[in-house]
Amino acid sequence: DDYNWHPKENSDACSNWISAKRMKWREVNDWMGKQNRYAI
């Protein structure tokens, strides 16, 4: 969550980060608002 972040320099910094071998995404435009989607 920081555009200047890099794992070799900032892995212990105060940024939120996640690393993985695979990554994919999708639009979920109807998932707006306060309602929890993962704890239905």
Full PDB file with SEQRES, HELIX, SHEET, SSBOND, CRYST1, ORIGX, SCALE, CONECT and MASTER records, all heavy atoms in Angstrom:
SEQRES   1 A   40  ASP ASP TYR ASN TRP HIS PRO LYS GLU ASN SER ASP ALA          
SEQRES   2 A   40  CYS SER ASN TRP ILE SER ALA LYS ARG MET LYS TRP ARG          
SEQRES   3 A   40  GLU VAL ASN ASP TRP MET GLY LYS GLN ASN ARG TYR ALA          
SEQRES   4 A   40  ILE                                                          
HELIX    1 AA1 PRO A    7  ASN A   10  1                                   4    
CRYST1    1.000    1.000    1.000  90.00  90.00  90.00 P 1           1          
ORIGX1      1.000000  0.000000  0.000000        0.00000                         
ORIGX2      0.000000  1.000000  0.000000        0.00000                         
ORIGX3      0.000000  0.000000  1.000000        0.00000                         
SCALE1      1.000000  0.000000  0.000000        0.00000                         
SCALE2      0.000000  1.000000  0.000000        0.00000                         
SCALE3      0.000000  0.000000  1.000000        0.00000                         
ATOM      1  N   ASP A   1       0.806  -1.222   0.000  1.00  0.00           N  
ATOM      2  CA  ASP A   1       0.000   0.000   0.000  1.00  0.00           C  
ATOM      3  C   ASP A   1       0.838   1.271   0.000  1.00  0.00           C  
ATOM      4  O   ASP A   1       0.397   2.326   0.437  1.00  0.00           O  
ATOM      5  CB  ASP A   1      -0.997  -0.006   1.159  1.00  0.00           C  
ATOM      6  CG  ASP A   1      -0.347   0.019   2.527  1.00  0.00           C  
ATOM      7  OD1 ASP A   1       0.900   0.002   2.610  1.00  0.00           O  
ATOM      8  OD2 ASP A   1      -1.080   0.041   3.523  1.00  0.00           O  
ATOM      9  N   ASP A   2       2.051   1.190  -0.534  1.00  0.00           N  
ATOM     10  CA  ASP A   2       2.945   2.339  -0.665  1.00  0.00           C  
ATOM     11  C   ASP A   2       3.681   2.174  -1.989  1.00  0.00           C  
ATOM     12  O   ASP A   2       4.412   1.204  -2.186  1.00  0.00           O  
ATOM     13  CB  ASP A   2       3.927   2.371   0.495  1.00  0.00           C  
ATOM     14  CG  ASP A   2       4.949   3.489   0.397  1.00  0.00           C  
ATOM     15  OD1 ASP A   2       4.988   4.215  -0.627  1.00  0.00           O  
ATOM     16  OD2 ASP A   2       5.734   3.644   1.350  1.00  0.00           O  
ATOM     17  N   TYR A   3       3.494   3.119  -2.890  1.00  0.00           N  
ATOM     18  CA  TYR A   3       4.065   3.018  -4.226  1.00  0.00           C  
ATOM     19  C   TYR A   3       5.592   2.932  -4.207  1.00  0.00           C  
ATOM     20  O   TYR A   3       6.205   2.383  -5.108  1.00  0.00           O  
ATOM     21  CB  TYR A   3       3.616   4.203  -5.099  1.00  0.00           C  
ATOM     22  CG  TYR A   3       4.021   4.036  -6.537  1.00  0.00           C  
ATOM     23  CD1 TYR A   3       3.306   3.201  -7.387  1.00  0.00           C  
ATOM     24  CD2 TYR A   3       5.137   4.696  -7.041  1.00  0.00           C  
ATOM     25  CE1 TYR A   3       3.685   3.023  -8.710  1.00  0.00           C  
ATOM     26  CE2 TYR A   3       5.528   4.536  -8.361  1.00  0.00           C  
ATOM     27  CZ  TYR A   3       4.804   3.694  -9.188  1.00  0.00           C  
ATOM     28  OH  TYR A   3       5.184   3.504 -10.486  1.00  0.00           O  
ATOM     29  N   ASN A   4       6.242   3.450  -3.180  1.00  0.00           N  
ATOM     30  CA  ASN A   4       7.703   3.439  -3.089  1.00  0.00           C  
ATOM     31  C   ASN A   4       8.251   2.214  -2.359  1.00  0.00           C  
ATOM     32  O   ASN A   4       9.457   2.107  -2.156  1.00  0.00           O  
ATOM     33  CB  ASN A   4       8.191   4.715  -2.396  1.00  0.00           C  
ATOM     34  CG  ASN A   4       7.857   5.934  -3.223  1.00  0.00           C  
ATOM     35  OD1 ASN A   4       8.137   5.976  -4.413  1.00  0.00           O  
ATOM     36  ND2 ASN A   4       7.214   6.910  -2.602  1.00  0.00           N  
ATOM     37  N   TRP A   5       7.382   1.305  -1.973  1.00  0.00           N  
ATOM     38  CA  TRP A   5       7.790   0.107  -1.225  1.00  0.00           C  
ATOM     39  C   TRP A   5       8.518  -0.866  -2.136  1.00  0.00           C  
ATOM     40  O   TRP A   5       8.185  -1.015  -3.315  1.00  0.00           O  
ATOM     41  CB  TRP A   5       6.536  -0.549  -0.627  1.00  0.00           C  
ATOM     42  CG  TRP A   5       6.798  -1.720   0.239  1.00  0.00           C  
ATOM     43  CD1 TRP A   5       6.997  -1.713   1.595  1.00  0.00           C  
ATOM     44  CD2 TRP A   5       6.873  -3.095  -0.155  1.00  0.00           C  
ATOM     45  NE1 TRP A   5       7.187  -2.991   2.052  1.00  0.00           N  
ATOM     46  CE2 TRP A   5       7.117  -3.854   0.988  1.00  0.00           C  
ATOM     47  CE3 TRP A   5       6.767  -3.749  -1.380  1.00  0.00           C  
ATOM     48  CZ2 TRP A   5       7.251  -5.238   0.970  1.00  0.00           C  
ATOM     49  CZ3 TRP A   5       6.898  -5.134  -1.415  1.00  0.00           C  
ATOM     50  CH2 TRP A   5       7.141  -5.865  -0.243  1.00  0.00           C  
ATOM     51  N   HIS A   6       9.508  -1.567  -1.597  1.00  0.00           N  
ATOM     52  CA  HIS A   6      10.194  -2.652  -2.307  1.00  0.00           C  
ATOM     53  C   HIS A   6      10.582  -3.714  -1.276  1.00  0.00           C  
ATOM     54  O   HIS A   6      11.057  -3.377  -0.191  1.00  0.00           O  
ATOM     55  CB  HIS A   6      11.436  -2.137  -3.040  1.00  0.00           C  
ATOM     56  CG  HIS A   6      11.966  -3.130  -4.012  1.00  0.00           C  
ATOM     57  ND1 HIS A   6      12.792  -4.163  -3.645  1.00  0.00           N  
ATOM     58  CD2 HIS A   6      11.765  -3.268  -5.342  1.00  0.00           C  
ATOM     59  CE1 HIS A   6      13.092  -4.896  -4.696  1.00  0.00           C  
ATOM     60  NE2 HIS A   6      12.467  -4.372  -5.749  1.00  0.00           N  
ATOM     61  N   PRO A   7      10.382  -4.996  -1.600  1.00  0.00           N  
ATOM     62  CA  PRO A   7      10.607  -6.043  -0.599  1.00  0.00           C  
ATOM     63  C   PRO A   7      12.041  -6.130  -0.097  1.00  0.00           C  
ATOM     64  O   PRO A   7      12.264  -6.507   1.058  1.00  0.00           O  
ATOM     65  CB  PRO A   7      10.203  -7.328  -1.316  1.00  0.00           C  
ATOM     66  CG  PRO A   7      10.277  -7.014  -2.766  1.00  0.00           C  
ATOM     67  CD  PRO A   7       9.946  -5.550  -2.875  1.00  0.00           C  
ATOM     68  N   LYS A   8      13.005  -5.773  -0.901  1.00  0.00           N  
ATOM     69  CA  LYS A   8      14.405  -5.878  -0.475  1.00  0.00           C  
ATOM     70  C   LYS A   8      14.839  -4.704   0.390  1.00  0.00           C  
ATOM     71  O   LYS A   8      15.874  -4.757   1.020  1.00  0.00           O  
ATOM     72  CB  LYS A   8      15.317  -6.029  -1.687  1.00  0.00           C  
ATOM     73  CG  LYS A   8      15.051  -7.340  -2.407  1.00  0.00           C  
ATOM     74  CD  LYS A   8      16.000  -7.582  -3.530  1.00  0.00           C  
ATOM     75  CE  LYS A   8      15.650  -8.930  -4.142  1.00  0.00           C  
ATOM     76  NZ  LYS A   8      16.564  -9.352  -5.165  1.00  0.00           N  
ATOM     77  N   GLU A   9      14.030  -3.645   0.410  1.00  0.00           N  
ATOM     78  CA  GLU A   9      14.399  -2.457   1.172  1.00  0.00           C  
ATOM     79  C   GLU A   9      13.435  -2.151   2.311  1.00  0.00           C  
ATOM     80  O   GLU A   9      13.822  -1.553   3.299  1.00  0.00           O  
ATOM     81  CB  GLU A   9      14.449  -1.243   0.239  1.00  0.00           C  
ATOM     82  CG  GLU A   9      15.438  -1.396  -0.882  1.00  0.00           C  
ATOM     83  CD  GLU A   9      15.234  -0.373  -1.983  1.00  0.00           C  
ATOM     84  OE1 GLU A   9      14.439   0.566  -1.797  1.00  0.00           O  
ATOM     85  OE2 GLU A   9      15.864  -0.540  -3.049  1.00  0.00           O  
ATOM     86  N   ASN A  10      12.162  -2.522   2.160  1.00  0.00           N  
ATOM     87  CA  ASN A  10      11.141  -2.055   3.101  1.00  0.00           C  
ATOM     88  C   ASN A  10      10.299  -3.164   3.722  1.00  0.00           C  
ATOM     89  O   ASN A  10       9.219  -2.881   4.216  1.00  0.00           O  
ATOM     90  CB  ASN A  10      10.170  -1.107   2.382  1.00  0.00           C  
ATOM     91  CG  ASN A  10      10.869   0.012   1.659  1.00  0.00           C  
ATOM     92  OD1 ASN A  10      11.010  -0.034   0.453  1.00  0.00           O  
ATOM     93  ND2 ASN A  10      11.326   1.005   2.395  1.00  0.00           N  
ATOM     94  N   SER A  11      10.734  -4.396   3.717  1.00  0.00           N  
ATOM     95  CA  SER A  11       9.845  -5.466   4.181  1.00  0.00           C  
ATOM     96  C   SER A  11       9.465  -5.319   5.651  1.00  0.00           C  
ATOM     97  O   SER A  11       8.447  -5.838   6.079  1.00  0.00           O  
ATOM     98  CB  SER A  11      10.462  -6.841   3.922  1.00  0.00           C  
ATOM     99  OG  SER A  11      11.667  -6.984   4.659  1.00  0.00           O  
ATOM    100  N   ASP A  12      10.265  -4.617   6.439  1.00  0.00           N  
ATOM    101  CA  ASP A  12       9.935  -4.412   7.850  1.00  0.00           C  
ATOM    102  C   ASP A  12       9.321  -3.048   8.112  1.00  0.00           C  
ATOM    103  O   ASP A  12       9.058  -2.684   9.240  1.00  0.00           O  
ATOM    104  CB  ASP A  12      11.187  -4.580   8.720  1.00  0.00           C  
ATOM    105  CG  ASP A  12      11.697  -6.003   8.714  1.00  0.00           C  
ATOM    106  OD1 ASP A  12      10.869  -6.922   8.513  1.00  0.00           O  
ATOM    107  OD2 ASP A  12      12.904  -6.203   8.902  1.00  0.00           O  
ATOM    108  N   ALA A  13       9.093  -2.264   7.053  1.00  0.00           N  
ATOM    109  CA  ALA A  13       8.533  -0.920   7.208  1.00  0.00           C  
ATOM    110  C   ALA A  13       7.076  -0.991   7.665  1.00  0.00           C  
ATOM    111  O   ALA A  13       6.498  -2.064   7.787  1.00  0.00           O  
ATOM    112  CB  ALA A  13       8.643  -0.161   5.886  1.00  0.00           C  
ATOM    113  N   CYS A  14       6.481   0.141   7.844  1.00  0.00           N  
ATOM    114  CA  CYS A  14       5.108   0.228   8.353  1.00  0.00           C  
ATOM    115  C   CYS A  14       4.059   0.090   7.257  1.00  0.00           C  
ATOM    116  O   CYS A  14       2.933   0.519   7.437  1.00  0.00           O  
ATOM    117  CB  CYS A  14       4.924   1.541   9.100  1.00  0.00           C  
ATOM    118  SG  CYS A  14       5.929   1.634  10.582  1.00  0.00           S  
ATOM    119  N   SER A  15       4.416  -0.487   6.138  1.00  0.00           N  
ATOM    120  CA  SER A  15       3.462  -0.688   5.043  1.00  0.00           C  
ATOM    121  C   SER A  15       2.762  -2.034   5.191  1.00  0.00           C  
ATOM    122  O   SER A  15       3.308  -2.980   5.750  1.00  0.00           O  
ATOM    123  CB  SER A  15       4.198  -0.663   3.700  1.00  0.00           C  
ATOM    124  OG  SER A  15       4.804   0.575   3.479  1.00  0.00           O  
ATOM    125  N   ASN A  16       1.553  -2.081   4.649  1.00  0.00           N  
ATOM    126  CA  ASN A  16       0.863  -3.355   4.511  1.00  0.00           C  
ATOM    127  C   ASN A  16       1.340  -3.981   3.211  1.00  0.00           C  
ATOM    128  O   ASN A  16       1.449  -3.295   2.191  1.00  0.00           O  
ATOM    129  CB  ASN A  16      -0.649  -3.146   4.453  1.00  0.00           C  
ATOM    130  CG  ASN A  16      -1.185  -2.616   5.760  1.00  0.00           C  
ATOM    131  OD1 ASN A  16      -0.910  -3.145   6.824  1.00  0.00           O  
ATOM    132  ND2 ASN A  16      -1.940  -1.537   5.680  1.00  0.00           N  
ATOM    133  N   TRP A  17       1.633  -5.283   3.228  1.00  0.00           N  
ATOM    134  CA  TRP A  17       2.076  -5.947   2.012  1.00  0.00           C  
ATOM    135  C   TRP A  17       1.735  -7.444   2.084  1.00  0.00           C  
ATOM    136  O   TRP A  17       1.501  -7.988   3.157  1.00  0.00           O  
ATOM    137  CB  TRP A  17       3.562  -5.728   1.755  1.00  0.00           C  
ATOM    138  CG  TRP A  17       4.476  -6.240   2.835  1.00  0.00           C  
ATOM    139  CD1 TRP A  17       4.940  -5.533   3.910  1.00  0.00           C  
ATOM    140  CD2 TRP A  17       5.025  -7.558   2.953  1.00  0.00           C  
ATOM    141  NE1 TRP A  17       5.736  -6.334   4.686  1.00  0.00           N  
ATOM    142  CE2 TRP A  17       5.814  -7.586   4.117  1.00  0.00           C  
ATOM    143  CE3 TRP A  17       4.922  -8.713   2.190  1.00  0.00           C  
ATOM    144  CZ2 TRP A  17       6.507  -8.718   4.533  1.00  0.00           C  
ATOM    145  CZ3 TRP A  17       5.608  -9.858   2.602  1.00  0.00           C  
ATOM    146  CH2 TRP A  17       6.396  -9.850   3.762  1.00  0.00           C  
ATOM    147  N   ILE A  18       1.713  -8.050   0.915  1.00  0.00           N  
ATOM    148  CA  ILE A  18       1.480  -9.485   0.805  1.00  0.00           C  
ATOM    149  C   ILE A  18       2.275  -9.985  -0.388  1.00  0.00           C  
ATOM    150  O   ILE A  18       2.413  -9.276  -1.395  1.00  0.00           O  
ATOM    151  CB  ILE A  18      -0.024  -9.812   0.677  1.00  0.00           C  
ATOM    152  CG1 ILE A  18      -0.243 -11.317   0.683  1.00  0.00           C  
ATOM    153  CG2 ILE A  18      -0.642  -9.145  -0.521  1.00  0.00           C  
ATOM    154  CD1 ILE A  18      -1.692 -11.724   0.921  1.00  0.00           C  
ATOM    155  N   SER A  19       2.830 -11.181  -0.270  1.00  0.00           N  
ATOM    156  CA  SER A  19       3.569 -11.781  -1.380  1.00  0.00           C  
ATOM    157  C   SER A  19       3.049 -13.196  -1.609  1.00  0.00           C  
ATOM    158  O   SER A  19       2.662 -13.894  -0.668  1.00  0.00           O  
ATOM    159  CB  SER A  19       5.070 -11.799  -1.098  1.00  0.00           C  
ATOM    160  OG  SER A  19       5.364 -12.578   0.046  1.00  0.00           O  
ATOM    161  N   ALA A  20       3.048 -13.590  -2.873  1.00  0.00           N  
ATOM    162  CA  ALA A  20       2.518 -14.901  -3.239  1.00  0.00           C  
ATOM    163  C   ALA A  20       3.118 -15.347  -4.562  1.00  0.00           C  
ATOM    164  O   ALA A  20       3.598 -14.530  -5.354  1.00  0.00           O  
ATOM    165  CB  ALA A  20       0.997 -14.847  -3.349  1.00  0.00           C  
ATOM    166  N   LYS A  21       3.055 -16.636  -4.804  1.00  0.00           N  
ATOM    167  CA  LYS A  21       3.554 -17.197  -6.066  1.00  0.00           C  
ATOM    168  C   LYS A  21       2.594 -16.933  -7.220  1.00  0.00           C  
ATOM    169  O   LYS A  21       3.012 -16.826  -8.360  1.00  0.00           O  
ATOM    170  CB  LYS A  21       3.786 -18.708  -5.929  1.00  0.00           C  
ATOM    171  CG  LYS A  21       4.830 -19.072  -4.910  1.00  0.00           C  
ATOM    172  CD  LYS A  21       6.191 -18.612  -5.358  1.00  0.00           C  
ATOM    173  CE  LYS A  21       7.269 -19.024  -4.372  1.00  0.00           C  
ATOM    174  NZ  LYS A  21       8.573 -18.508  -4.755  1.00  0.00           N  
ATOM    175  N   ARG A  22       1.304 -16.847  -6.909  1.00  0.00           N  
ATOM    176  CA  ARG A  22       0.302 -16.603  -7.953  1.00  0.00           C  
ATOM    177  C   ARG A  22      -0.640 -15.507  -7.492  1.00  0.00           C  
ATOM    178  O   ARG A  22      -0.939 -15.387  -6.305  1.00  0.00           O  
ATOM    179  CB  ARG A  22      -0.488 -17.879  -8.251  1.00  0.00           C  
ATOM    180  CG  ARG A  22       0.387 -18.964  -8.867  1.00  0.00           C  
ATOM    181  CD  ARG A  22      -0.363 -20.221  -9.207  1.00  0.00           C  
ATOM    182  NE  ARG A  22      -1.477 -19.913 -10.101  1.00  0.00           N  
ATOM    183  CZ  ARG A  22      -2.536 -20.683 -10.253  1.00  0.00           C  
ATOM    184  NH1 ARG A  22      -2.661 -21.795  -9.575  1.00  0.00           N  
ATOM    185  NH2 ARG A  22      -3.497 -20.337 -11.082  1.00  0.00           N  
ATOM    186  N   MET A  23      -1.157 -14.751  -8.476  1.00  0.00           N  
ATOM    187  CA  MET A  23      -2.040 -13.629  -8.158  1.00  0.00           C  
ATOM    188  C   MET A  23      -3.050 -13.475  -9.281  1.00  0.00           C  
ATOM    189  O   MET A  23      -2.698 -13.570 -10.452  1.00  0.00           O  
ATOM    190  CB  MET A  23      -1.172 -12.371  -8.034  1.00  0.00           C  
ATOM    191  CG  MET A  23      -1.882 -11.128  -7.649  1.00  0.00           C  
ATOM    192  SD  MET A  23      -0.649  -9.793  -7.500  1.00  0.00           S  
ATOM    193  CE  MET A  23      -1.753  -8.433  -7.286  1.00  0.00           C  
ATOM    194  N   LYS A  24      -4.308 -13.269  -8.905  1.00  0.00           N  
ATOM    195  CA  LYS A  24      -5.347 -12.991  -9.891  1.00  0.00           C  
ATOM    196  C   LYS A  24      -6.353 -12.034  -9.279  1.00  0.00           C  
ATOM    197  O   LYS A  24      -6.400 -11.870  -8.060  1.00  0.00           O  
ATOM    198  CB  LYS A  24      -6.009 -14.266 -10.401  1.00  0.00           C  
ATOM    199  CG  LYS A  24      -6.516 -15.210  -9.348  1.00  0.00           C  
ATOM    200  CD  LYS A  24      -7.153 -16.472  -9.909  1.00  0.00           C  
ATOM    201  CE  LYS A  24      -6.124 -17.518 -10.245  1.00  0.00           C  
ATOM    202  NZ  LYS A  24      -6.712 -18.847 -10.471  1.00  0.00           N  
ATOM    203  N   TRP A  25      -7.158 -11.406 -10.134  1.00  0.00           N  
ATOM    204  CA  TRP A  25      -8.112 -10.402  -9.649  1.00  0.00           C  
ATOM    205  C   TRP A  25      -9.373 -10.438 -10.490  1.00  0.00           C  
ATOM    206  O   TRP A  25      -9.398 -10.999 -11.577  1.00  0.00           O  
ATOM    207  CB  TRP A  25      -7.480  -9.013  -9.678  1.00  0.00           C  
ATOM    208  CG  TRP A  25      -7.234  -8.489 -11.060  1.00  0.00           C  
ATOM    209  CD1 TRP A  25      -6.192  -8.788 -11.890  1.00  0.00           C  
ATOM    210  CD2 TRP A  25      -8.061  -7.576 -11.792  1.00  0.00           C  
ATOM    211  NE1 TRP A  25      -6.314  -8.124 -13.076  1.00  0.00           N  
ATOM    212  CE2 TRP A  25      -7.452  -7.367 -13.049  1.00  0.00           C  
ATOM    213  CE3 TRP A  25      -9.256  -6.925 -11.504  1.00  0.00           C  
ATOM    214  CZ2 TRP A  25      -8.000  -6.528 -14.016  1.00  0.00           C  
ATOM    215  CZ3 TRP A  25      -9.790  -6.087 -12.472  1.00  0.00           C  
ATOM    216  CH2 TRP A  25      -9.167  -5.899 -13.699  1.00  0.00           C  
ATOM    217  N   ARG A  26     -10.419  -9.802  -9.930  1.00  0.00           N  
ATOM    218  CA  ARG A  26     -11.677  -9.645 -10.657  1.00  0.00           C  
ATOM    219  C   ARG A  26     -12.418  -8.432 -10.114  1.00  0.00           C  
ATOM    220  O   ARG A  26     -12.239  -8.039  -8.954  1.00  0.00           O  
ATOM    221  CB  ARG A  26     -12.539 -10.890 -10.556  1.00  0.00           C  
ATOM    222  CG  ARG A  26     -13.018 -11.209  -9.152  1.00  0.00           C  
ATOM    223  CD  ARG A  26     -13.820 -12.477  -9.149  1.00  0.00           C  
ATOM    224  NE  ARG A  26     -14.237 -12.819  -7.795  1.00  0.00           N  
ATOM    225  CZ  ARG A  26     -15.014 -13.832  -7.501  1.00  0.00           C  
ATOM    226  NH1 ARG A  26     -15.465 -14.612  -8.466  1.00  0.00           N  
ATOM    227  NH2 ARG A  26     -15.355 -14.079  -6.271  1.00  0.00           N  
ATOM    228  N   GLU A  27     -13.242  -7.852 -10.976  1.00  0.00           N  
ATOM    229  CA  GLU A  27     -14.098  -6.751 -10.554  1.00  0.00           C  
ATOM    230  C   GLU A  27     -15.271  -7.301  -9.765  1.00  0.00           C  
ATOM    231  O   GLU A  27     -15.846  -8.331 -10.127  1.00  0.00           O  
ATOM    232  CB  GLU A  27     -14.630  -5.983 -11.764  1.00  0.00           C  
ATOM    233  CG  GLU A  27     -13.583  -5.183 -12.483  1.00  0.00           C  
ATOM    234  CD  GLU A  27     -14.159  -4.340 -13.614  1.00  0.00           C  
ATOM    235  OE1 GLU A  27     -15.366  -4.001 -13.577  1.00  0.00           O  
ATOM    236  OE2 GLU A  27     -13.390  -4.036 -14.530  1.00  0.00           O  
ATOM    237  N   VAL A  28     -15.633  -6.612  -8.688  1.00  0.00           N  
ATOM    238  CA  VAL A  28     -16.802  -6.955  -7.875  1.00  0.00           C  
ATOM    239  C   VAL A  28     -17.517  -5.658  -7.499  1.00  0.00           C  
ATOM    240  O   VAL A  28     -17.699  -5.351  -6.327  1.00  0.00           O  
ATOM    241  CB  VAL A  28     -16.420  -7.807  -6.629  1.00  0.00           C  
ATOM    242  CG1 VAL A  28     -16.014  -9.217  -7.023  1.00  0.00           C  
ATOM    243  CG2 VAL A  28     -15.304  -7.147  -5.817  1.00  0.00           C  
ATOM    244  N   ASN A  29     -17.911  -4.913  -8.503  1.00  0.00           N  
ATOM    245  CA  ASN A  29     -18.473  -3.578  -8.291  1.00  0.00           C  
ATOM    246  C   ASN A  29     -19.719  -3.554  -7.416  1.00  0.00           C  
ATOM    247  O   ASN A  29     -20.026  -2.533  -6.820  1.00  0.00           O  
ATOM    248  CB  ASN A  29     -18.755  -2.920  -9.639  1.00  0.00           C  
ATOM    249  CG  ASN A  29     -17.486  -2.581 -10.363  1.00  0.00           C  
ATOM    250  OD1 ASN A  29     -16.554  -2.051  -9.780  1.00  0.00           O  
ATOM    251  ND2 ASN A  29     -17.424  -2.909 -11.640  1.00  0.00           N  
ATOM    252  N   ASP A  30     -20.420  -4.655  -7.321  1.00  0.00           N  
ATOM    253  CA  ASP A  30     -21.614  -4.689  -6.471  1.00  0.00           C  
ATOM    254  C   ASP A  30     -21.261  -5.011  -5.014  1.00  0.00           C  
ATOM    255  O   ASP A  30     -22.150  -5.144  -4.185  1.00  0.00           O  
ATOM    256  CB  ASP A  30     -22.652  -5.670  -7.032  1.00  0.00           C  
ATOM    257  CG  ASP A  30     -22.113  -7.074  -7.222  1.00  0.00           C  
ATOM    258  OD1 ASP A  30     -20.883  -7.236  -7.362  1.00  0.00           O  
ATOM    259  OD2 ASP A  30     -22.925  -8.015  -7.231  1.00  0.00           O  
ATOM    260  N   TRP A  31     -19.993  -5.089  -4.678  1.00  0.00           N  
ATOM    261  CA  TRP A  31     -19.551  -5.362  -3.316  1.00  0.00           C  
ATOM    262  C   TRP A  31     -19.141  -4.073  -2.603  1.00  0.00           C  
ATOM    263  O   TRP A  31     -18.168  -4.029  -1.873  1.00  0.00           O  
ATOM    264  CB  TRP A  31     -18.390  -6.340  -3.308  1.00  0.00           C  
ATOM    265  CG  TRP A  31     -18.772  -7.757  -3.610  1.00  0.00           C  
ATOM    266  CD1 TRP A  31     -19.940  -8.196  -4.145  1.00  0.00           C  
ATOM    267  CD2 TRP A  31     -17.968  -8.910  -3.405  1.00  0.00           C  
ATOM    268  NE1 TRP A  31     -19.912  -9.555  -4.294  1.00  0.00           N  
ATOM    269  CE2 TRP A  31     -18.714 -10.027  -3.839  1.00  0.00           C  
ATOM    270  CE3 TRP A  31     -16.697  -9.119  -2.903  1.00  0.00           C  
ATOM    271  CZ2 TRP A  31     -18.225 -11.324  -3.783  1.00  0.00           C  
ATOM    272  CZ3 TRP A  31     -16.207 -10.402  -2.842  1.00  0.00           C  
ATOM    273  CH2 TRP A  31     -16.961 -11.491  -3.275  1.00  0.00           C  
ATOM    274  N   MET A  32     -19.905  -3.024  -2.781  1.00  0.00           N  
ATOM    275  CA  MET A  32     -19.625  -1.757  -2.111  1.00  0.00           C  
ATOM    276  C   MET A  32     -20.393  -1.716  -0.787  1.00  0.00           C  
ATOM    277  O   MET A  32     -21.336  -2.466  -0.579  1.00  0.00           O  
ATOM    278  CB  MET A  32     -20.029  -0.591  -3.001  1.00  0.00           C  
ATOM    279  CG  MET A  32     -19.238  -0.507  -4.296  1.00  0.00           C  
ATOM    280  SD  MET A  32     -17.481  -0.261  -4.028  1.00  0.00           S  
ATOM    281  CE  MET A  32     -17.451   1.446  -3.493  1.00  0.00           C  
ATOM    282  N   GLY A  33     -19.964  -0.823   0.081  1.00  0.00           N  
ATOM    283  CA  GLY A  33     -20.674  -0.625   1.338  1.00  0.00           C  
ATOM    284  C   GLY A  33     -20.055  -1.378   2.501  1.00  0.00           C  
ATOM    285  O   GLY A  33     -18.990  -1.969   2.398  1.00  0.00           O  
ATOM    286  N   LYS A  34     -20.791  -1.357   3.595  1.00  0.00           N  
ATOM    287  CA  LYS A  34     -20.321  -1.866   4.874  1.00  0.00           C  
ATOM    288  C   LYS A  34     -20.455  -3.388   5.003  1.00  0.00           C  
ATOM    289  O   LYS A  34     -19.764  -4.011   5.811  1.00  0.00           O  
ATOM    290  CB  LYS A  34     -21.119  -1.177   5.979  1.00  0.00           C  
ATOM    291  CG  LYS A  34     -20.688  -1.497   7.370  1.00  0.00           C  
ATOM    292  CD  LYS A  34     -21.521  -0.722   8.377  1.00  0.00           C  
ATOM    293  CE  LYS A  34     -21.168  -1.139   9.787  1.00  0.00           C  
ATOM    294  NZ  LYS A  34     -21.962  -0.423  10.775  1.00  0.00           N  
ATOM    295  N   GLN A  35     -21.334  -3.985   4.238  1.00  0.00           N  
ATOM    296  CA  GLN A  35     -21.624  -5.420   4.387  1.00  0.00           C  
ATOM    297  C   GLN A  35     -20.368  -6.267   4.205  1.00  0.00           C  
ATOM    298  O   GLN A  35     -19.590  -6.060   3.284  1.00  0.00           O  
ATOM    299  CB  GLN A  35     -22.665  -5.852   3.359  1.00  0.00           C  
ATOM    300  CG  GLN A  35     -22.980  -7.333   3.416  1.00  0.00           C  
ATOM    301  CD  GLN A  35     -23.965  -7.756   2.334  1.00  0.00           C  
ATOM    302  OE1 GLN A  35     -24.536  -6.931   1.644  1.00  0.00           O  
ATOM    303  NE2 GLN A  35     -24.157  -9.041   2.197  1.00  0.00           N  
ATOM    304  N   ASN A  36     -20.193  -7.228   5.116  1.00  0.00           N  
ATOM    305  CA  ASN A  36     -19.091  -8.179   4.983  1.00  0.00           C  
ATOM    306  C   ASN A  36     -19.432  -9.197   3.915  1.00  0.00           C  
ATOM    307  O   ASN A  36     -20.545  -9.714   3.870  1.00  0.00           O  
ATOM    308  CB  ASN A  36     -18.832  -8.890   6.312  1.00  0.00           C  
ATOM    309  CG  ASN A  36     -18.220  -7.973   7.340  1.00  0.00           C  
ATOM    310  OD1 ASN A  36     -17.419  -7.113   7.009  1.00  0.00           O  
ATOM    311  ND2 ASN A  36     -18.603  -8.147   8.576  1.00  0.00           N  
ATOM    312  N   ARG A  37     -18.483  -9.500   3.057  1.00  0.00           N  
ATOM    313  CA  ARG A  37     -18.678 -10.457   1.972  1.00  0.00           C  
ATOM    314  C   ARG A  37     -18.091 -11.812   2.299  1.00  0.00           C  
ATOM    315  O   ARG A  37     -18.556 -12.826   1.811  1.00  0.00           O  
ATOM    316  CB  ARG A  37     -18.031  -9.928   0.690  1.00  0.00           C  
ATOM    317  CG  ARG A  37     -18.569  -8.579   0.262  1.00  0.00           C  
ATOM    318  CD  ARG A  37     -20.040  -8.657  -0.036  1.00  0.00           C  
ATOM    319  NE  ARG A  37     -20.581  -7.324  -0.275  1.00  0.00           N  
ATOM    320  CZ  ARG A  37     -21.723  -7.118  -0.875  1.00  0.00           C  
ATOM    321  NH1 ARG A  37     -22.471  -8.116  -1.275  1.00  0.00           N  
ATOM    322  NH2 ARG A  37     -22.173  -5.897  -1.038  1.00  0.00           N  
ATOM    323  N   TYR A  38     -17.052 -11.864   3.125  1.00  0.00           N  
ATOM    324  CA  TYR A  38     -16.413 -13.139   3.430  1.00  0.00           C  
ATOM    325  C   TYR A  38     -17.004 -13.803   4.667  1.00  0.00           C  
ATOM    326  O   TYR A  38     -16.856 -15.001   4.844  1.00  0.00           O  
ATOM    327  CB  TYR A  38     -14.911 -12.941   3.614  1.00  0.00           C  
ATOM    328  CG  TYR A  38     -14.229 -12.406   2.372  1.00  0.00           C  
ATOM    329  CD1 TYR A  38     -13.198 -11.485   2.483  1.00  0.00           C  
ATOM    330  CD2 TYR A  38     -14.591 -12.817   1.108  1.00  0.00           C  
ATOM    331  CE1 TYR A  38     -12.555 -10.983   1.351  1.00  0.00           C  
ATOM    332  CE2 TYR A  38     -13.970 -12.329  -0.031  1.00  0.00           C  
ATOM    333  CZ  TYR A  38     -12.949 -11.424   0.096  1.00  0.00           C  
ATOM    334  OH  TYR A  38     -12.317 -10.941  -1.015  1.00  0.00           O  
ATOM    335  N   ALA A  39     -17.672 -13.069   5.514  1.00  0.00           N  
ATOM    336  CA  ALA A  39     -18.293 -13.630   6.711  1.00  0.00           C  
ATOM    337  C   ALA A  39     -19.801 -13.492   6.576  1.00  0.00           C  
ATOM    338  O   ALA A  39     -20.469 -12.888   7.385  1.00  0.00           O  
ATOM    339  CB  ALA A  39     -17.801 -12.910   7.952  1.00  0.00           C  
ATOM    340  N   ILE A  40     -20.333 -14.058   5.502  1.00  0.00           N  
ATOM    341  CA  ILE A  40     -21.765 -13.923   5.221  1.00  0.00           C  
ATOM    342  C   ILE A  40     -22.587 -14.530   6.349  1.00  0.00           C  
ATOM    343  O   ILE A  40     -22.307 -15.617   6.821  1.00  0.00           O  
ATOM    344  CB  ILE A  40     -22.097 -14.584   3.870  1.00  0.00           C  
ATOM    345  CG1 ILE A  40     -21.386 -13.815   2.770  1.00  0.00           C  
ATOM    346  CG2 ILE A  40     -23.585 -14.633   3.642  1.00  0.00           C  
ATOM    347  CD1 ILE A  40     -21.553 -14.358   1.387  1.00  0.00           C  
TER     348      ILE A  40                                                      
MASTER        0    0    0    1    0    0    0    6  347    1    0    4          
END                                                                             
